[in-house]
Every structure is written in C-alpha cells, then in structure tokens.
Amino acid sequence: MFNTRLLLIVIVIILIPQTVSAITIHGTVYEWSTFEPLDNALVEVNSTPTQFRVAASGVYSFNLPPGDYLIKTSYYQNDTLVYYGEDTLTVTDYEGNYVFDILMFPLHEEAEEFTDEDIGNVTYDVEDNILPGFDLTYTAVALLILMIMGAAAYYHYKKRDVLENESEPAESIEPEESIESIEPKKSSESAEPMPGVHIENDYPNDRGPAPDIDMLPDDLKEIIDILESQGGRMTQKDLRARLNCSEAKVSLMITDLEDRGLVHKVKKGRGNIILLRYME
C-alpha cells in the first residue's frame, strides 16, 4: 500500500512540470493585400497531439511546450482552397504569452490542383540573371552621371579661364599683328588711323599737360615705374603679376591713369597692352 502511494506521488511530480511548462501562442491570420483578418481560417500545429483551430474573426491560440513546430494555415472560399501558408516556430521558454501573427498569400494558379499534402512541395523558378542585370543597369546610370558631371566641370573651368583673361571692353585689333604694329603711326596728317589703335592726334589738345608723376598716389606711381622699366609697354596680365593685386584693382588703376592721360590701353587678342604715352 505504501509503495503504491509512493508511485502515484512520483507520477504526479513528473507530470506537473509537463503541464506547467507550456507557453501560449496566439495571433491573427491576415490577408496579404488588405491586412484584413481572415474569418474561419484553419490553423494546424504539429504538436503532440496535433492541434487544430478554426480562427474565428481570424484569431487563434495554442498552448505549446518548448520545441520546434510547423504551423499550417488554410483558408477556403466556396470549398476552394484560396490561401495557404506554412510557418516554422521555435519555442524555447517554459512560460509566457507570445503573439505570432500569420500573413496569408494567395496560391499560385498552378497550385490549386494540388492536395493539401502537396502544397509544401510547390517551387518557383527564379531567373539567375536578375541580379546581374540590376547591377549593370545601375552601373550604366552611374557612369552616365559621372560623364555629365565631368563635362559640366570642364565647361565651368573653361568659362572661368576665359573670364579671367578678359578685361574691360576695349577696341580690338587683328590678332595676327605684332606688338610693334600697336605703336601709333605718325607718318602724315592724311594717313588714316589704324582701327583699334589711338594715336596722338586722336586725343583733344585741350586736355592740358600731363600731371606731375611725383604727385600721383603710390600705387599709380608703381605702375608708371614698372612700365618705364619695361620700355614703356607690357601686357596687363604681366603687369598684374608684378603688382600682386586683383584683376579688378589693376583695371581700375589703369583706367585712372588713362583718365590722367599717362597711359594708353590697346586690346590685343584676349588681353590688353599698356603703353606709356610719353614713351610712345
């Protein structure tokens, strides 16, 4: 009698952990495109024993001990299988309450003829060249963008170089002429002046005598000294390099000297030649 009671106590002790060590898995079965609950969907889990649920309003619930499970979900309309899915689930905890929602996708048209047992064997072919084609397309687009950016950068720097070489508008002369041809002609009164080149007779005599160079500001005197050291003529670009000033300031100082009647600016190609009047 004593041994019988002891055996029953041991059996109860063994069975109690198995009863307690189970978690609750519950969730909702949704339709993939509308995310609406699928009413009366059939949910099956391969526990021991196998459990079935009819998901009223799409809601189901299972009590499962730790282990690996396969959940099969089916949905019928007019006795026709419309949605089917299989999901794997691993339970590691002994107690708890967890949500596991299921998203149902429609069957492939060719899979409707298969039975429930054959659904899991349906396979879909995927083309091997999808990813390479994707990479090549984006590579071509990237190269095209780089080419456009390179052309834009080249145009920008080219335009900037042109603007740096250009100065204020002035009368132009033929590019083929040499610097010596810029020197004003003093041949005869009847000779016609060269286009783009001013000679002494082109300026009115009522301008008065040239101002005293010693009375000029230091920056203008520096320009006069540099021109004298170069024989009375040099390009504006070289003059700017000697002065170490900005192009705008050099242009303003040359314009000031022109107004004072001390220098003469002549357009040569894309640059200017600066001439000292009293050394012409």
C-alpha atoms as a PDB file:
ATOM      1  CA  MET A   1       0.000   0.000   0.000  1.00  0.00           C
ATOM      2  CA  PHE A   2       2.829   2.328   0.887  1.00  0.00           C
ATOM      3  CA  ASN A   3       4.659   1.538  -2.356  1.00  0.00           C
ATOM      4  CA  THR A   4       1.528   2.286  -4.391  1.00  0.00           C
ATOM      5  CA  ARG A   5       1.122   5.732  -2.832  1.00  0.00           C
ATOM      6  CA  LEU A   6       4.805   6.499  -3.399  1.00  0.00           C
ATOM      7  CA  LEU A   7       4.489   5.517  -7.060  1.00  0.00           C
ATOM      8  CA  LEU A   8       1.479   7.804  -7.536  1.00  0.00           C
ATOM      9  CA  ILE A   9       3.327  10.727  -5.939  1.00  0.00           C
ATOM     10  CA  VAL A  10       6.295  10.238  -8.299  1.00  0.00           C
ATOM     11  CA  ILE A  11       3.992  10.112 -11.350  1.00  0.00           C
ATOM     12  CA  VAL A  12       2.256  13.337 -10.272  1.00  0.00           C
ATOM     13  CA  ILE A  13       5.612  15.056  -9.713  1.00  0.00           C
ATOM     14  CA  ILE A  14       6.731  14.053 -13.217  1.00  0.00           C
ATOM     15  CA  LEU A  15       3.501  15.162 -14.906  1.00  0.00           C
ATOM     16  CA  ILE A  16       3.158  18.543 -13.137  1.00  0.00           C
ATOM     17  CA  PRO A  17       6.211  20.211 -14.866  1.00  0.00           C
ATOM     18  CA  GLN A  18       4.958  18.984 -18.226  1.00  0.00           C
ATOM     19  CA  THR A  19       1.603  20.616 -17.596  1.00  0.00           C
ATOM     20  CA  VAL A  20       3.063  23.879 -16.299  1.00  0.00           C
ATOM     21  CA  SER A  21       5.943  24.179 -18.780  1.00  0.00           C
ATOM     22  CA  ALA A  22       3.852  25.342 -21.759  1.00  0.00           C
ATOM     23  CA  ILE A  23       3.501  28.829 -23.259  1.00  0.00           C
ATOM     24  CA  THR A  24       0.536  30.381 -25.013  1.00  0.00           C
ATOM     25  CA  ILE A  25       0.984  31.238 -28.683  1.00  0.00           C
ATOM     26  CA  HIS A  26      -1.781  33.379 -30.149  1.00  0.00           C
ATOM     27  CA  GLY A  27      -2.242  35.753 -33.050  1.00  0.00           C
ATOM     28  CA  THR A  28      -4.344  36.809 -36.019  1.00  0.00           C
ATOM     29  CA  VAL A  29      -4.458  35.469 -39.569  1.00  0.00           C
ATOM     30  CA  TYR A  30      -4.335  38.384 -42.082  1.00  0.00           C
ATOM     31  CA  GLU A  31      -4.929  38.640 -45.839  1.00  0.00           C
ATOM     32  CA  TRP A  32      -1.702  39.833 -47.514  1.00  0.00           C
ATOM     33  CA  SER A  33      -3.021  42.734 -49.635  1.00  0.00           C
ATOM     34  CA  THR A  34      -5.662  44.280 -47.364  1.00  0.00           C
ATOM     35  CA  PHE A  35      -4.349  43.159 -43.944  1.00  0.00           C
ATOM     36  CA  GLU A  36      -7.909  42.203 -43.079  1.00  0.00           C
ATOM     37  CA  PRO A  37      -8.429  39.231 -40.682  1.00  0.00           C
ATOM     38  CA  LEU A  38      -9.444  36.029 -42.470  1.00  0.00           C
ATOM     39  CA  ASP A  39     -12.522  34.720 -40.677  1.00  0.00           C
ATOM     40  CA  ASN A  40     -12.689  30.940 -40.075  1.00  0.00           C
ATOM     41  CA  ALA A  41      -9.173  30.241 -41.310  1.00  0.00           C
ATOM     42  CA  LEU A  42      -7.924  26.740 -40.379  1.00  0.00           C
ATOM     43  CA  VAL A  43      -4.731  26.685 -38.296  1.00  0.00           C
ATOM     44  CA  GLU A  44      -2.875  23.431 -37.560  1.00  0.00           C
ATOM     45  CA  VAL A  45       0.275  22.877 -35.485  1.00  0.00           C
ATOM     46  CA  ASN A  46       2.219  19.580 -35.420  1.00  0.00           C
ATOM     47  CA  SER A  47       2.390  19.325 -31.645  1.00  0.00           C
ATOM     48  CA  THR A  48       1.830  16.040 -29.751  1.00  0.00           C
ATOM     49  CA  PRO A  49      -1.021  15.530 -30.203  1.00  0.00           C
ATOM     50  CA  THR A  50      -1.683  17.677 -33.308  1.00  0.00           C
ATOM     51  CA  GLN A  51      -3.807  20.719 -32.515  1.00  0.00           C
ATOM     52  CA  PHE A  52      -6.381  22.335 -34.844  1.00  0.00           C
ATOM     53  CA  ARG A  53      -8.089  25.705 -34.528  1.00  0.00           C
ATOM     54  CA  VAL A  54     -10.782  27.476 -36.529  1.00  0.00           C
ATOM     55  CA  ALA A  55      -9.702  31.124 -36.331  1.00  0.00           C
ATOM     56  CA  ALA A  56     -12.971  32.937 -35.653  1.00  0.00           C
ATOM     57  CA  SER A  57     -12.514  36.534 -36.822  1.00  0.00           C
ATOM     58  CA  GLY A  58      -9.000  35.441 -37.759  1.00  0.00           C
ATOM     59  CA  VAL A  59      -7.879  34.886 -34.113  1.00  0.00           C
ATOM     60  CA  TYR A  60      -6.266  31.610 -32.943  1.00  0.00           C
ATOM     61  CA  SER A  61      -4.443  30.356 -29.839  1.00  0.00           C
ATOM     62  CA  PHE A  62      -2.273  27.305 -28.903  1.00  0.00           C
ATOM     63  CA  ASN A  63      -0.571  26.056 -25.716  1.00  0.00           C
ATOM     64  CA  LEU A  64       2.843  24.649 -26.666  1.00  0.00           C
ATOM     65  CA  PRO A  65       5.769  23.264 -24.671  1.00  0.00           C
ATOM     66  CA  PRO A  66       9.330  24.051 -25.791  1.00  0.00           C
ATOM     67  CA  GLY A  67      10.216  22.613 -29.185  1.00  0.00           C
ATOM     68  CA  ASP A  68      10.207  23.202 -32.950  1.00  0.00           C
ATOM     69  CA  TYR A  69       6.824  23.378 -34.679  1.00  0.00           C
ATOM     70  CA  LEU A  70       5.320  23.733 -38.137  1.00  0.00           C
ATOM     71  CA  ILE A  71       2.148  25.799 -38.369  1.00  0.00           C
ATOM     72  CA  LYS A  72      -0.052  25.186 -41.440  1.00  0.00           C
ATOM     73  CA  THR A  73      -2.773  27.694 -42.234  1.00  0.00           C
ATOM     74  CA  SER A  74      -5.527  27.240 -44.847  1.00  0.00           C
ATOM     75  CA  TYR A  75      -8.394  29.400 -45.974  1.00  0.00           C
ATOM     76  CA  TYR A  76     -11.285  28.175 -48.150  1.00  0.00           C
ATOM     77  CA  GLN A  77     -13.923  30.047 -50.160  1.00  0.00           C
ATOM     78  CA  ASN A  78     -16.812  28.012 -51.583  1.00  0.00           C
ATOM     79  CA  ASP A  79     -14.937  24.794 -50.759  1.00  0.00           C
ATOM     80  CA  THR A  80     -11.962  26.018 -52.776  1.00  0.00           C
ATOM     81  CA  LEU A  81      -8.547  26.493 -51.189  1.00  0.00           C
ATOM     82  CA  VAL A  82      -7.671  30.156 -51.770  1.00  0.00           C
ATOM     83  CA  TYR A  83      -4.864  30.850 -49.286  1.00  0.00           C
ATOM     84  CA  TYR A  84      -2.302  28.504 -47.824  1.00  0.00           C
ATOM     85  CA  GLY A  85       0.863  29.039 -45.821  1.00  0.00           C
ATOM     86  CA  GLU A  86       3.403  27.227 -43.666  1.00  0.00           C
ATOM     87  CA  ASP A  87       5.409  28.864 -40.878  1.00  0.00           C
ATOM     88  CA  THR A  88       8.048  27.430 -38.587  1.00  0.00           C
ATOM     89  CA  LEU A  89       8.087  28.288 -34.898  1.00  0.00           C
ATOM     90  CA  THR A  90      10.656  27.524 -32.186  1.00  0.00           C
ATOM     91  CA  VAL A  91       9.565  27.650 -28.535  1.00  0.00           C
ATOM     92  CA  THR A  92      12.395  27.966 -26.008  1.00  0.00           C
ATOM     93  CA  ASP A  93      10.651  29.372 -22.936  1.00  0.00           C
ATOM     94  CA  TYR A  94       8.636  27.341 -20.459  1.00  0.00           C
ATOM     95  CA  GLU A  95       6.186  30.071 -19.529  1.00  0.00           C
ATOM     96  CA  GLY A  96       4.828  33.159 -21.239  1.00  0.00           C
ATOM     97  CA  ASN A  97       2.329  34.633 -23.632  1.00  0.00           C
ATOM     98  CA  TYR A  98       3.536  35.411 -27.170  1.00  0.00           C
ATOM     99  CA  VAL A  99       1.929  36.862 -30.314  1.00  0.00           C
ATOM    100  CA  PHE A 100       2.552  35.154 -33.652  1.00  0.00           C
ATOM    101  CA  ASP A 101       0.545  36.761 -36.482  1.00  0.00           C
ATOM    102  CA  ILE A 102       0.228  34.963 -39.807  1.00  0.00           C
ATOM    103  CA  LEU A 103       0.141  36.706 -43.197  1.00  0.00           C
ATOM    104  CA  MET A 104      -1.618  34.663 -45.888  1.00  0.00           C
ATOM    105  CA  PHE A 105      -0.701  34.832 -49.577  1.00  0.00           C
ATOM    106  CA  PRO A 106      -2.833  33.523 -52.465  1.00  0.00           C
ATOM    107  CA  LEU A 107      -1.952  30.223 -54.042  1.00  0.00           C
ATOM    108  CA  HIS A 108      -0.177  30.112 -57.385  1.00  0.00           C
ATOM    109  CA  GLU A 109      -2.642  29.372 -60.158  1.00  0.00           C
ATOM    110  CA  GLU A 110      -0.993  26.049 -60.879  1.00  0.00           C
ATOM    111  CA  ALA A 111      -1.031  25.024 -57.199  1.00  0.00           C
ATOM    112  CA  GLU A 112      -4.829  24.938 -56.891  1.00  0.00           C
ATOM    113  CA  GLU A 113      -4.922  21.393 -58.308  1.00  0.00           C
ATOM    114  CA  PHE A 114      -2.597  20.034 -55.607  1.00  0.00           C
ATOM    115  CA  THR A 115      -3.851  18.472 -52.406  1.00  0.00           C
ATOM    116  CA  ASP A 116      -3.002  19.894 -49.003  1.00  0.00           C
ATOM    117  CA  GLU A 117      -0.181  17.398 -48.589  1.00  0.00           C
ATOM    118  CA  ASP A 118       1.488  18.539 -51.830  1.00  0.00           C
ATOM    119  CA  ILE A 119       1.342  22.271 -51.177  1.00  0.00           C
ATOM    120  CA  GLY A 120       4.659  22.316 -49.352  1.00  0.00           C
ATOM    121  CA  ASN A 121       6.445  20.886 -52.409  1.00  0.00           C
ATOM    122  CA  VAL A 122       5.490  23.742 -54.735  1.00  0.00           C
ATOM    123  CA  THR A 123       8.614  25.515 -56.004  1.00  0.00           C
ATOM    124  CA  TYR A 124       9.056  28.677 -58.042  1.00  0.00           C
ATOM    125  CA  ASP A 125      11.790  29.275 -60.605  1.00  0.00           C
ATOM    126  CA  VAL A 126      13.907  32.384 -60.194  1.00  0.00           C
ATOM    127  CA  GLU A 127      15.981  33.616 -63.104  1.00  0.00           C
ATOM    128  CA  ASP A 128      19.697  33.621 -62.345  1.00  0.00           C
ATOM    129  CA  ASN A 129      20.408  36.802 -64.286  1.00  0.00           C
ATOM    130  CA  ILE A 130      18.073  39.094 -62.352  1.00  0.00           C
ATOM    131  CA  LEU A 131      20.749  40.441 -60.016  1.00  0.00           C
ATOM    132  CA  PRO A 132      23.467  40.856 -62.698  1.00  0.00           C
ATOM    133  CA  GLY A 133      21.040  42.808 -64.907  1.00  0.00           C
ATOM    134  CA  PHE A 134      20.140  45.003 -61.952  1.00  0.00           C
ATOM    135  CA  ASP A 135      23.831  45.735 -61.272  1.00  0.00           C
ATOM    136  CA  LEU A 136      24.612  46.505 -64.913  1.00  0.00           C
ATOM    137  CA  THR A 137      21.730  48.940 -65.170  1.00  0.00           C
ATOM    138  CA  TYR A 138      22.794  50.929 -62.138  1.00  0.00           C
ATOM    139  CA  THR A 139      26.428  50.816 -63.241  1.00  0.00           C
ATOM    140  CA  ALA A 140      25.492  52.338 -66.610  1.00  0.00           C
ATOM    141  CA  VAL A 141      23.452  55.062 -64.900  1.00  0.00           C
ATOM    142  CA  ALA A 142      26.340  55.845 -62.553  1.00  0.00           C
ATOM    143  CA  LEU A 143      28.795  56.114 -65.470  1.00  0.00           C
ATOM    144  CA  LEU A 144      26.404  58.413 -67.340  1.00  0.00           C
ATOM    145  CA  ILE A 145      26.095  60.677 -64.289  1.00  0.00           C
ATOM    146  CA  LEU A 146      29.892  60.800 -63.920  1.00  0.00           C
ATOM    147  CA  MET A 147      30.286  61.750 -67.598  1.00  0.00           C
ATOM    148  CA  ILE A 148      27.733  64.563 -67.257  1.00  0.00           C
ATOM    149  CA  MET A 149      29.454  65.858 -64.113  1.00  0.00           C
ATOM    150  CA  GLY A 150      32.841  65.754 -65.845  1.00  0.00           C
ATOM    151  CA  ALA A 151      31.539  67.692 -68.849  1.00  0.00           C
ATOM    152  CA  ALA A 152      29.931  70.288 -66.565  1.00  0.00           C
ATOM    153  CA  ALA A 153      33.172  70.706 -64.601  1.00  0.00           C
ATOM    154  CA  TYR A 154      35.191  71.111 -67.809  1.00  0.00           C
ATOM    155  CA  TYR A 155      32.780  73.749 -69.120  1.00  0.00           C
ATOM    156  CA  HIS A 156      32.852  75.596 -65.791  1.00  0.00           C
ATOM    157  CA  TYR A 157      36.649  75.814 -65.596  1.00  0.00           C
ATOM    158  CA  LYS A 158      36.927  76.661 -69.290  1.00  0.00           C
ATOM    159  CA  LYS A 159      34.493  79.541 -68.871  1.00  0.00           C
ATOM    160  CA  ARG A 160      36.330  80.744 -65.772  1.00  0.00           C
ATOM    161  CA  ASP A 161      39.653  80.847 -67.659  1.00  0.00           C
ATOM    162  CA  VAL A 162      38.047  82.894 -70.422  1.00  0.00           C
ATOM    163  CA  LEU A 163      36.616  85.352 -67.903  1.00  0.00           C
ATOM    164  CA  GLU A 164      39.988  85.724 -66.192  1.00  0.00           C
ATOM    165  CA  ASN A 165      41.707  86.560 -69.487  1.00  0.00           C
ATOM    166  CA  GLU A 166      39.067  89.079 -70.441  1.00  0.00           C
ATOM    167  CA  SER A 167      39.134  92.615 -69.056  1.00  0.00           C
ATOM    168  CA  GLU A 168      37.030  95.716 -69.634  1.00  0.00           C
ATOM    169  CA  PRO A 169      35.742  96.238 -73.211  1.00  0.00           C
ATOM    170  CA  ALA A 170      38.246  97.935 -75.489  1.00  0.00           C
ATOM    171  CA  GLU A 171      38.746  98.409 -79.183  1.00  0.00           C
ATOM    172  CA  SER A 172      40.251  95.308 -80.766  1.00  0.00           C
ATOM    173  CA  ILE A 173      42.958  94.842 -83.351  1.00  0.00           C
ATOM    174  CA  GLU A 174      43.759  91.930 -85.597  1.00  0.00           C
ATOM    175  CA  PRO A 175      45.353  89.044 -83.621  1.00  0.00           C
ATOM    176  CA  GLU A 176      47.988  88.485 -86.317  1.00  0.00           C
ATOM    177  CA  GLU A 177      49.565  91.897 -85.731  1.00  0.00           C
ATOM    178  CA  SER A 178      52.767  92.029 -83.720  1.00  0.00           C
ATOM    179  CA  ILE A 179      53.295  94.252 -80.668  1.00  0.00           C
ATOM    180  CA  GLU A 180      55.338  96.672 -82.787  1.00  0.00           C
ATOM    181  CA  SER A 181      52.310  97.255 -85.025  1.00  0.00           C
ATOM    182  CA  ILE A 182      50.421  98.580 -81.999  1.00  0.00           C
ATOM    183  CA  GLU A 183      52.723 101.606 -81.796  1.00  0.00           C
ATOM    184  CA  PRO A 184      50.797 104.685 -83.012  1.00  0.00           C
ATOM    185  CA  LYS A 185      51.590 105.854 -86.526  1.00  0.00           C
ATOM    186  CA  LYS A 186      52.940 109.383 -87.002  1.00  0.00           C
ATOM    187  CA  SER A 187      53.507 109.328 -90.752  1.00  0.00           C
ATOM    188  CA  SER A 188      51.333 112.034 -92.201  1.00  0.00           C
ATOM    189  CA  GLU A 189      48.221 114.009 -91.408  1.00  0.00           C
ATOM    190  CA  SER A 190      46.341 112.462 -94.337  1.00  0.00           C
ATOM    191  CA  ALA A 191      47.037 108.858 -93.238  1.00  0.00           C
ATOM    192  CA  GLU A 192      44.019 107.112 -91.810  1.00  0.00           C
ATOM    193  CA  PRO A 193      44.355 105.841 -88.222  1.00  0.00           C
ATOM    194  CA  MET A 194      44.578 102.106 -87.721  1.00  0.00           C
ATOM    195  CA  PRO A 195      41.291 100.686 -86.395  1.00  0.00           C
ATOM    196  CA  GLY A 196      41.504  99.932 -82.697  1.00  0.00           C
ATOM    197  CA  VAL A 197      44.730 101.971 -82.196  1.00  0.00           C
ATOM    198  CA  HIS A 198      44.699 105.544 -80.903  1.00  0.00           C
ATOM    199  CA  ILE A 199      47.411 107.941 -81.945  1.00  0.00           C
ATOM    200  CA  GLU A 200      48.306 111.329 -80.517  1.00  0.00           C
ATOM    201  CA  ASN A 201      46.046 113.177 -82.929  1.00  0.00           C
ATOM    202  CA  ASP A 202      43.052 111.135 -81.724  1.00  0.00           C
ATOM    203  CA  TYR A 203      43.049 112.906 -78.372  1.00  0.00           C
ATOM    204  CA  PRO A 204      41.995 116.533 -77.970  1.00  0.00           C
ATOM    205  CA  ASN A 205      44.741 119.068 -77.371  1.00  0.00           C
ATOM    206  CA  ASP A 206      42.665 120.872 -74.766  1.00  0.00           C
ATOM    207  CA  ARG A 207      43.337 118.104 -72.260  1.00  0.00           C
ATOM    208  CA  GLY A 208      46.224 120.071 -70.801  1.00  0.00           C
ATOM    209  CA  PRO A 209      49.704 118.912 -69.824  1.00  0.00           C
ATOM    210  CA  ALA A 210      50.168 115.534 -68.149  1.00  0.00           C
ATOM    211  CA  PRO A 211      50.094 115.773 -64.366  1.00  0.00           C
ATOM    212  CA  ASP A 212      53.310 115.556 -62.405  1.00  0.00           C
ATOM    213  CA  ILE A 213      54.139 111.886 -61.785  1.00  0.00           C
ATOM    214  CA  ASP A 214      55.520 112.738 -58.350  1.00  0.00           C
ATOM    215  CA  MET A 215      52.041 113.928 -57.366  1.00  0.00           C
ATOM    216  CA  LEU A 216      50.448 110.559 -58.168  1.00  0.00           C
ATOM    217  CA  PRO A 217      49.406 108.097 -55.453  1.00  0.00           C
ATOM    218  CA  ASP A 218      51.973 105.447 -54.604  1.00  0.00           C
ATOM    219  CA  ASP A 219      50.075 102.623 -56.320  1.00  0.00           C
ATOM    220  CA  LEU A 220      49.818 104.572 -59.598  1.00  0.00           C
ATOM    221  CA  LYS A 221      53.483 105.612 -59.391  1.00  0.00           C
ATOM    222  CA  GLU A 222      54.388 101.942 -59.019  1.00  0.00           C
ATOM    223  CA  ILE A 223      52.630 101.154 -62.312  1.00  0.00           C
ATOM    224  CA  ILE A 224      54.482 104.010 -64.067  1.00  0.00           C
ATOM    225  CA  ASP A 225      57.824 102.757 -62.701  1.00  0.00           C
ATOM    226  CA  ILE A 226      57.152  99.207 -63.880  1.00  0.00           C
ATOM    227  CA  LEU A 227      56.162 100.404 -67.368  1.00  0.00           C
ATOM    228  CA  GLU A 228      59.284 102.564 -67.631  1.00  0.00           C
ATOM    229  CA  SER A 229      61.448  99.588 -66.647  1.00  0.00           C
ATOM    230  CA  GLN A 230      59.845  97.577 -69.476  1.00  0.00           C
ATOM    231  CA  GLY A 231      60.438 100.204 -72.155  1.00  0.00           C
ATOM    232  CA  GLY A 232      57.004 101.794 -71.875  1.00  0.00           C
ATOM    233  CA  ARG A 233      54.858  98.803 -72.845  1.00  0.00           C
ATOM    234  CA  MET A 234      53.784  95.467 -71.331  1.00  0.00           C
ATOM    235  CA  THR A 235      50.713  93.259 -71.138  1.00  0.00           C
ATOM    236  CA  GLN A 236      48.117  93.857 -68.468  1.00  0.00           C
ATOM    237  CA  LYS A 237      48.489  90.255 -67.349  1.00  0.00           C
ATOM    238  CA  ASP A 238      52.230  90.670 -66.726  1.00  0.00           C
ATOM    239  CA  LEU A 239      51.604  93.994 -65.008  1.00  0.00           C
ATOM    240  CA  ARG A 240      49.091  92.383 -62.691  1.00  0.00           C
ATOM    241  CA  ALA A 241      51.626  89.663 -61.818  1.00  0.00           C
ATOM    242  CA  ARG A 242      54.224  92.336 -60.924  1.00  0.00           C
ATOM    243  CA  LEU A 243      51.746  94.280 -58.770  1.00  0.00           C
ATOM    244  CA  ASN A 244      50.347  91.238 -56.969  1.00  0.00           C
ATOM    245  CA  CYS A 245      46.871  92.829 -56.981  1.00  0.00           C
ATOM    246  CA  SER A 246      43.469  91.608 -58.024  1.00  0.00           C
ATOM    247  CA  GLU A 247      42.399  91.961 -61.641  1.00  0.00           C
ATOM    248  CA  ALA A 248      39.630  94.374 -60.709  1.00  0.00           C
ATOM    249  CA  LYS A 249      42.009  96.725 -58.859  1.00  0.00           C
ATOM    250  CA  VAL A 250      44.559  96.673 -61.693  1.00  0.00           C
ATOM    251  CA  SER A 251      41.807  97.556 -64.193  1.00  0.00           C
ATOM    252  CA  LEU A 252      40.665 100.462 -62.032  1.00  0.00           C
ATOM    253  CA  MET A 253      44.210 101.834 -61.643  1.00  0.00           C
ATOM    254  CA  ILE A 254      44.857 101.600 -65.402  1.00  0.00           C
ATOM    255  CA  THR A 255      41.569 103.386 -66.084  1.00  0.00           C
ATOM    256  CA  ASP A 256      42.656 106.140 -63.640  1.00  0.00           C
ATOM    257  CA  LEU A 257      45.994 106.534 -65.461  1.00  0.00           C
ATOM    258  CA  GLU A 258      44.148 106.664 -68.799  1.00  0.00           C
ATOM    259  CA  ASP A 259      41.931 109.463 -67.493  1.00  0.00           C
ATOM    260  CA  ARG A 260      45.057 111.340 -66.392  1.00  0.00           C
ATOM    261  CA  GLY A 261      46.490 110.972 -69.907  1.00  0.00           C
ATOM    262  CA  LEU A 262      49.520 108.968 -68.805  1.00  0.00           C
ATOM    263  CA  VAL A 263      48.867 105.533 -70.320  1.00  0.00           C
ATOM    264  CA  HIS A 264      47.103 104.092 -73.329  1.00  0.00           C
ATOM    265  CA  LYS A 265      45.383 100.646 -73.253  1.00  0.00           C
ATOM    266  CA  VAL A 266      45.126  98.680 -76.512  1.00  0.00           C
ATOM    267  CA  LYS A 267      43.223  95.407 -76.964  1.00  0.00           C
ATOM    268  CA  LYS A 268      45.431  92.573 -78.215  1.00  0.00           C
ATOM    269  CA  GLY A 269      43.724  89.226 -78.774  1.00  0.00           C
ATOM    270  CA  ARG A 270      42.147  88.265 -75.454  1.00  0.00           C
ATOM    271  CA  GLY A 271      44.408  90.559 -73.436  1.00  0.00           C
ATOM    272  CA  ASN A 272      45.470  94.220 -73.253  1.00  0.00           C
ATOM    273  CA  ILE A 273      48.745  96.027 -73.951  1.00  0.00           C
ATOM    274  CA  ILE A 274      49.502  99.000 -71.664  1.00  0.00           C
ATOM    275  CA  LEU A 275      51.584 101.808 -73.256  1.00  0.00           C
ATOM    276  CA  LEU A 276      53.192 104.870 -71.597  1.00  0.00           C
ATOM    277  CA  ARG A 277      52.095 107.935 -73.570  1.00  0.00           C
ATOM    278  CA  TYR A 278      55.273 109.944 -73.166  1.00  0.00           C
ATOM    279  CA  MET A 279      57.392 106.969 -74.279  1.00  0.00           C
ATOM    280  CA  GLU A 280      55.369 106.189 -77.418  1.00  0.00           C
END
